[in-house]
């Protein structure tokens, strides 16, 4: 532990060293670097003072922030239990720190239990809650998330006893649940992980290997055309002969507006207006059918 004259964490820049002395607390320059034994002793002192300070004051913030830094080692220790998720370690430490802060806010010296003993379940619980809420590929109700864990444990235990995979009735009897609940839990478990449709279907790893995406069907654009044609038929029958002839020349024979104008003896601009009027009428008729 080291003493210094710098402004403690949580105090404003206007705070002086005399203000720190009035806190009746040691000023720890680098709380995170304090040895574990010293951190435990200092934590007791800070918890005693925190209990009588008014929440929201500078003194309260200094005591609370120092307690957080003194006990960050607990978060790092808890995080080692999840080292198989090294790619998420930064998130794990952040979430674990939230658990530490909650433990500090709830802890009371009258519990007659060490802070570390009290805090570890809070930290680990917060981390597990993070995985439970964010690790599922498909969102399912929390009760089914918890049932998945119970089913996994029951399946392992019964497999050892029976030397085979347990049946649904056996799982239900073991967990004291209805078979329908077991089935629901097993189905929901499929949402825990999701595979990419771009993964190869075989395990050869060859660049040209077929993927699931290669075997998935696509929307047939021709079907939509057929549907539109069928819907347009009664609307076309309502048009006059001249309008149907214009549509036939434009979209059937693929004539330009100038060519159509020559056939009708009108200007290209008039043909454009005629086509706009006709297609607008057809579009309105289609929308009215939806």
Protein backbone atom coordinates (compact mmCIF):
# COMPACT_ATOMS: atom_id res chain seq x y z
CA UNK A 1 0.00 0.00 0.00
CA UNK A 2 1.33 3.45 -0.85
CA UNK A 3 0.31 6.91 0.26
CA UNK A 4 0.22 9.94 -2.05
CA UNK A 5 -1.07 13.48 -2.33
CA UNK A 6 -2.97 12.99 -5.59
CA UNK A 7 -6.74 13.50 -5.68
CA UNK A 8 -8.50 10.19 -4.88
CA UNK A 9 -10.76 8.51 -7.43
CA UNK A 10 -14.30 9.88 -7.30
CA UNK A 11 -13.38 13.35 -5.86
CA UNK A 12 -13.49 16.56 -7.84
CA UNK A 13 -10.38 18.42 -8.93
CA UNK A 14 -11.07 21.03 -6.24
CA UNK A 15 -10.55 18.49 -3.45
CA UNK A 16 -7.33 18.95 -1.44
CA UNK A 17 -5.23 16.55 0.60
CA UNK A 18 -6.73 18.02 3.77
CA UNK A 19 -10.14 16.92 2.51
CA UNK A 20 -8.80 13.39 2.15
CA UNK A 21 -7.53 13.44 5.72
CA UNK A 22 -11.02 14.35 6.95
CA UNK A 23 -12.30 11.12 5.44
CA UNK A 24 -10.54 9.22 8.25
CA UNK A 25 -9.47 6.77 5.54
CA UNK A 26 -6.05 5.92 4.17
CA UNK A 27 -5.43 7.28 0.71
CA UNK A 28 -4.37 4.42 -1.54
CA UNK A 29 -2.55 5.57 -4.65
CA UNK A 30 -2.90 2.35 -6.67
CA UNK A 31 -5.63 0.20 -5.04
CA UNK A 32 -5.46 -2.46 -7.77
CA UNK A 33 -1.80 -3.13 -6.93
CA UNK A 34 -2.32 -3.71 -3.21
CA UNK A 35 -1.40 -7.20 -2.00
CA UNK A 36 -4.41 -9.48 -1.31
CA UNK A 37 -3.82 -9.59 2.47
CA UNK A 38 -3.55 -5.81 2.71
CA UNK A 39 -6.58 -5.43 0.43
CA UNK A 40 -8.70 -7.51 2.82
CA UNK A 41 -7.68 -5.38 5.80
CA UNK A 42 -8.21 -2.13 3.94
CA UNK A 43 -11.59 -3.31 2.69
CA UNK A 44 -12.79 -3.76 6.28
CA UNK A 45 -11.79 -0.18 7.09
CA UNK A 46 -13.48 1.21 3.99
CA UNK A 47 -16.68 -0.83 4.56
CA UNK A 48 -16.90 0.48 8.14
CA UNK A 49 -16.64 4.04 6.89
CA UNK A 50 -18.93 3.46 3.90
CA UNK A 51 -21.71 2.32 6.23
CA UNK A 52 -21.91 5.75 7.91
CA UNK A 53 -21.26 8.01 4.93
CA UNK A 54 -24.09 9.70 3.07
CA UNK A 55 -24.64 8.21 -0.37
CA UNK A 56 -23.83 10.60 -3.18
CA UNK A 57 -21.20 12.60 -1.30
CA UNK A 58 -17.59 12.86 -2.45
CA UNK A 59 -16.44 10.89 0.57
CA UNK A 60 -18.89 8.09 -0.19
CA UNK A 61 -17.74 7.92 -3.82
CA UNK A 62 -14.08 7.80 -2.76
CA UNK A 63 -14.70 4.91 -0.35
CA UNK A 64 -16.87 2.98 -2.82
CA UNK A 65 -14.52 3.45 -5.80
CA UNK A 66 -11.52 2.43 -3.73
CA UNK A 67 -13.31 -0.72 -2.59
CA UNK A 68 -14.02 -1.60 -6.21
CA UNK A 69 -10.36 -1.20 -7.21
CA UNK A 70 -9.10 -3.05 -4.13
CA UNK A 71 -11.20 -6.08 -5.03
CA UNK A 72 -10.81 -6.23 -8.79
CA UNK A 73 -8.55 -9.24 -8.24
CA UNK A 74 -11.71 -11.21 -7.32
CA UNK A 75 -13.16 -10.49 -10.76
CA UNK A 76 -9.96 -11.59 -12.51
CA UNK A 77 -9.88 -14.78 -10.42
CA UNK A 78 -13.52 -15.55 -11.24
CA UNK A 79 -12.85 -14.89 -14.94
CA UNK A 80 -10.24 -17.68 -15.01
CA UNK A 81 -13.11 -20.16 -14.66
CA UNK A 82 -14.22 -19.11 -18.13
CA UNK A 83 -10.81 -19.10 -19.86
CA UNK A 84 -12.24 -21.42 -22.53
CA UNK A 85 -14.09 -18.31 -23.74
CA UNK A 86 -10.93 -16.25 -24.15
CA UNK A 87 -12.42 -14.36 -27.10
CA UNK A 88 -15.00 -12.88 -24.70
CA UNK A 89 -12.64 -12.22 -21.78
CA UNK A 90 -13.01 -8.44 -21.98
CA UNK A 91 -16.80 -8.74 -21.73
CA UNK A 92 -16.45 -11.30 -18.92
CA UNK A 93 -14.31 -8.94 -16.84
CA UNK A 94 -16.70 -6.04 -17.44
CA UNK A 95 -19.74 -8.09 -16.44
CA UNK A 96 -17.87 -9.54 -13.46
CA UNK A 97 -17.06 -6.01 -12.32
CA UNK A 98 -20.78 -5.23 -12.33
CA UNK A 99 -21.25 -8.24 -10.04
CA UNK A 100 -18.49 -6.92 -7.78
CA UNK A 101 -20.15 -3.49 -7.55
CA UNK A 102 -23.48 -5.11 -6.65
CA UNK A 103 -21.75 -7.14 -3.97
CA UNK A 104 -20.14 -4.01 -2.50
CA UNK A 105 -23.50 -2.22 -2.40
CA UNK A 106 -25.16 -5.19 -0.64
CA UNK A 107 -22.41 -6.23 1.74
CA UNK A 108 -22.67 -5.58 5.48
CA UNK A 109 -19.95 -6.27 8.03
CA UNK A 110 -22.62 -7.62 10.39
CA UNK A 111 -22.89 -10.68 8.15
CA UNK A 112 -19.78 -12.03 9.91
CA UNK A 113 -18.49 -13.43 6.64
CA UNK A 114 -15.51 -12.30 4.60
CA UNK A 115 -16.25 -10.01 1.70
CA UNK A 116 -14.52 -12.31 -0.78
CA UNK A 117 -16.75 -15.20 0.31
CA UNK A 118 -19.82 -13.03 -0.16
CA UNK A 119 -18.72 -11.44 -3.44
CA UNK A 120 -17.61 -14.47 -5.46
CA UNK A 121 -21.14 -15.92 -5.95
CA UNK A 122 -22.34 -12.45 -7.01
CA UNK A 123 -19.53 -12.07 -9.55
CA UNK A 124 -19.84 -15.58 -10.99
CA UNK A 125 -23.63 -15.33 -11.04
CA UNK A 126 -23.46 -12.12 -13.05
CA UNK A 127 -21.10 -13.73 -15.57
CA UNK A 128 -23.30 -16.81 -15.93
CA UNK A 129 -26.35 -14.59 -16.39
CA UNK A 130 -24.48 -12.79 -19.17
CA UNK A 131 -23.82 -16.07 -20.98
CA UNK A 132 -27.37 -17.26 -20.44
CA UNK A 133 -28.84 -14.09 -21.90
CA UNK A 134 -26.43 -13.55 -24.79
CA UNK A 135 -25.08 -16.94 -25.88
CA UNK A 136 -28.28 -18.28 -27.44
CA UNK A 137 -28.48 -18.04 -31.23
CA UNK A 138 -32.28 -17.93 -30.97
CA UNK A 139 -34.04 -16.17 -28.11
CA UNK A 140 -36.06 -18.51 -25.89
CA UNK A 141 -37.78 -17.91 -22.52
CA UNK A 142 -35.48 -17.96 -19.49
CA UNK A 143 -37.19 -21.01 -17.99
CA UNK A 144 -36.26 -22.99 -21.11
CA UNK A 145 -32.70 -21.70 -20.95
CA UNK A 146 -32.47 -23.01 -17.38
CA UNK A 147 -34.22 -26.26 -18.35
CA UNK A 148 -31.55 -26.86 -20.99
CA UNK A 149 -28.88 -26.87 -18.26
CA UNK A 150 -30.93 -29.25 -16.08
CA UNK A 151 -31.49 -31.56 -19.05
CA UNK A 152 -27.78 -31.63 -19.88
CA UNK A 153 -26.91 -32.61 -16.30
CA UNK A 154 -29.68 -35.19 -16.11
CA UNK A 155 -28.69 -36.68 -19.45
CA UNK A 156 -25.06 -37.10 -18.35
CA UNK A 157 -26.05 -38.64 -15.02
CA UNK A 158 -28.58 -41.08 -16.48
CA UNK A 159 -26.24 -42.03 -19.31
CA UNK A 160 -23.70 -43.17 -16.71
CA UNK A 161 -26.34 -45.12 -14.78
CA UNK A 162 -28.08 -46.71 -17.77
CA UNK A 163 -25.07 -46.98 -20.09
CA UNK A 164 -27.26 -45.52 -22.85
CA UNK A 165 -29.03 -42.32 -23.73
CA UNK A 166 -32.06 -41.78 -21.46
CA UNK A 167 -35.56 -41.64 -22.90
CA UNK A 168 -37.95 -38.75 -22.52
CA UNK A 169 -40.00 -40.53 -19.80
CA UNK A 170 -36.78 -41.30 -17.88
CA UNK A 171 -35.68 -37.67 -18.05
CA UNK A 172 -39.13 -36.55 -16.94
CA UNK A 173 -39.11 -38.92 -13.97
CA UNK A 174 -35.61 -37.85 -12.95
CA UNK A 175 -36.42 -34.12 -13.06
CA UNK A 176 -39.98 -34.46 -11.76
CA UNK A 177 -41.47 -32.84 -14.84
CA UNK A 178 -44.11 -33.69 -17.42
CA UNK A 179 -42.95 -35.34 -20.63
CA UNK A 180 -44.32 -32.41 -22.65
CA UNK A 181 -42.04 -30.07 -20.72
CA UNK A 182 -39.04 -32.30 -21.47
CA UNK A 183 -39.87 -32.31 -25.18
CA UNK A 184 -40.26 -28.53 -25.14
CA UNK A 185 -36.89 -28.17 -23.43
CA UNK A 186 -35.17 -30.49 -25.91
CA UNK A 187 -36.61 -28.57 -28.86
CA UNK A 188 -35.60 -25.24 -27.33
CA UNK A 189 -32.05 -26.53 -26.83
CA UNK A 190 -31.65 -26.55 -30.60
CA UNK A 191 -31.68 -22.77 -30.47
CA UNK A 192 -28.51 -22.59 -28.37
CA UNK A 193 -26.19 -22.78 -31.37
CA UNK A 194 -26.69 -22.13 -35.05
CA UNK A 195 -24.60 -23.34 -37.95
CA UNK A 196 -23.69 -21.24 -40.95
CA UNK A 197 -25.33 -22.16 -44.24
CA UNK A 198 -21.93 -21.49 -45.83
CA UNK A 199 -20.25 -24.35 -43.94
CA UNK A 200 -19.21 -27.33 -46.13
CA UNK A 201 -21.56 -30.31 -45.93
CA UNK A 202 -18.59 -32.68 -45.76
CA UNK A 203 -15.54 -32.47 -43.51
CA UNK A 204 -12.95 -32.52 -46.30
CA UNK A 205 -12.43 -28.78 -46.07
CA UNK A 206 -11.97 -28.51 -49.83
CA UNK A 207 -12.67 -25.02 -51.18
CA UNK A 208 -15.10 -26.43 -53.75
CA UNK A 209 -17.13 -28.48 -51.27
CA UNK A 210 -20.89 -28.06 -51.47
CA UNK A 211 -22.56 -26.02 -48.73
CA UNK A 212 -26.06 -26.03 -47.33
CA UNK A 213 -26.69 -22.76 -49.15
CA UNK A 214 -26.08 -24.57 -52.45
CA UNK A 215 -28.98 -26.91 -51.70
CA UNK A 216 -31.46 -24.33 -50.48
CA UNK A 217 -34.18 -23.29 -52.88
CA UNK A 218 -34.63 -19.72 -54.04
CA UNK A 219 -37.74 -17.69 -54.77
CA UNK A 220 -38.82 -18.26 -58.36
CA UNK A 221 -39.25 -14.85 -59.96
CA UNK A 222 -41.40 -16.43 -62.68
CA UNK A 223 -44.06 -17.31 -60.10
CA UNK A 224 -44.57 -13.66 -59.24
CA UNK A 225 -44.92 -12.85 -62.94
CA UNK A 226 -47.58 -15.55 -63.32
CA UNK A 227 -49.50 -14.18 -60.33
CA UNK A 228 -49.38 -10.65 -61.72
CA UNK A 229 -50.53 -11.76 -65.16
CA UNK A 230 -53.50 -13.59 -63.67
CA UNK A 231 -54.42 -10.56 -61.61
CA UNK A 232 -54.08 -8.25 -64.64
CA UNK A 233 -56.36 -10.24 -66.97
CA UNK A 234 -59.70 -8.89 -65.67
CA UNK A 235 -58.22 -5.37 -65.50
CA UNK A 236 -57.04 -5.57 -69.12
CA UNK A 237 -60.48 -6.67 -70.25
CA UNK A 238 -61.90 -3.46 -68.77
CA UNK A 239 -59.63 -1.33 -70.98
CA UNK A 240 -60.71 0.02 -74.31
CA UNK A 241 -59.45 -1.58 -77.54
CA UNK A 242 -57.10 1.34 -78.27
CA UNK A 243 -55.49 1.12 -74.79
CA UNK A 244 -54.98 -2.64 -75.14
CA UNK A 245 -53.41 -2.08 -78.57
CA UNK A 246 -50.97 0.49 -77.09
CA UNK A 247 -49.94 -1.94 -74.33
CA UNK A 248 -49.52 -4.71 -76.88
CA UNK A 249 -47.23 -2.60 -79.03
CA UNK A 250 -45.19 -1.33 -76.05
CA UNK A 251 -44.80 -4.49 -73.95
CA UNK A 252 -45.63 -7.24 -76.45
CA UNK A 253 -43.88 -6.06 -79.61
CA UNK A 254 -41.44 -3.93 -77.53
CA UNK A 255 -41.91 -0.95 -79.84
CA UNK A 256 -40.54 2.45 -78.85
CA UNK A 257 -42.83 5.33 -78.01
CA UNK A 258 -41.86 7.02 -81.28
CA UNK A 259 -42.83 3.92 -83.28
CA UNK A 260 -46.15 3.67 -81.43
CA UNK A 261 -46.76 7.35 -82.12
CA UNK A 262 -46.19 6.75 -85.83
CA UNK A 263 -48.76 3.92 -85.76
CA UNK A 264 -51.32 6.06 -83.96
CA UNK A 265 -50.53 9.30 -85.75
CA UNK A 266 -49.65 11.13 -82.53
CA UNK A 267 -46.47 12.53 -80.97
CA UNK A 268 -44.10 10.61 -78.76
CA UNK A 269 -45.08 12.88 -75.84
CA UNK A 270 -48.75 11.94 -76.27
CA UNK A 271 -47.82 8.25 -76.29
CA UNK A 272 -45.89 8.74 -73.03
CA UNK A 273 -48.95 10.36 -71.41
CA UNK A 274 -51.22 7.57 -72.66
CA UNK A 275 -48.93 4.86 -71.27
CA UNK A 276 -48.68 6.66 -67.92
CA UNK A 277 -52.49 6.88 -67.67
CA UNK A 278 -53.00 3.22 -68.62
CA UNK A 279 -50.32 1.79 -66.32
CA UNK A 280 -51.48 3.97 -63.42
CA UNK A 281 -55.01 2.61 -63.84
CA UNK A 282 -53.71 -0.97 -63.87
CA UNK A 283 -51.49 -0.36 -60.84
CA UNK A 284 -54.39 1.07 -58.86
CA UNK A 285 -56.49 -1.97 -59.78
CA UNK A 286 -53.75 -4.37 -58.62
CA UNK A 287 -53.31 -2.57 -55.31
CA UNK A 288 -57.06 -2.69 -54.70
CA UNK A 289 -56.95 -6.52 -54.98
CA UNK A 290 -54.37 -6.89 -52.17
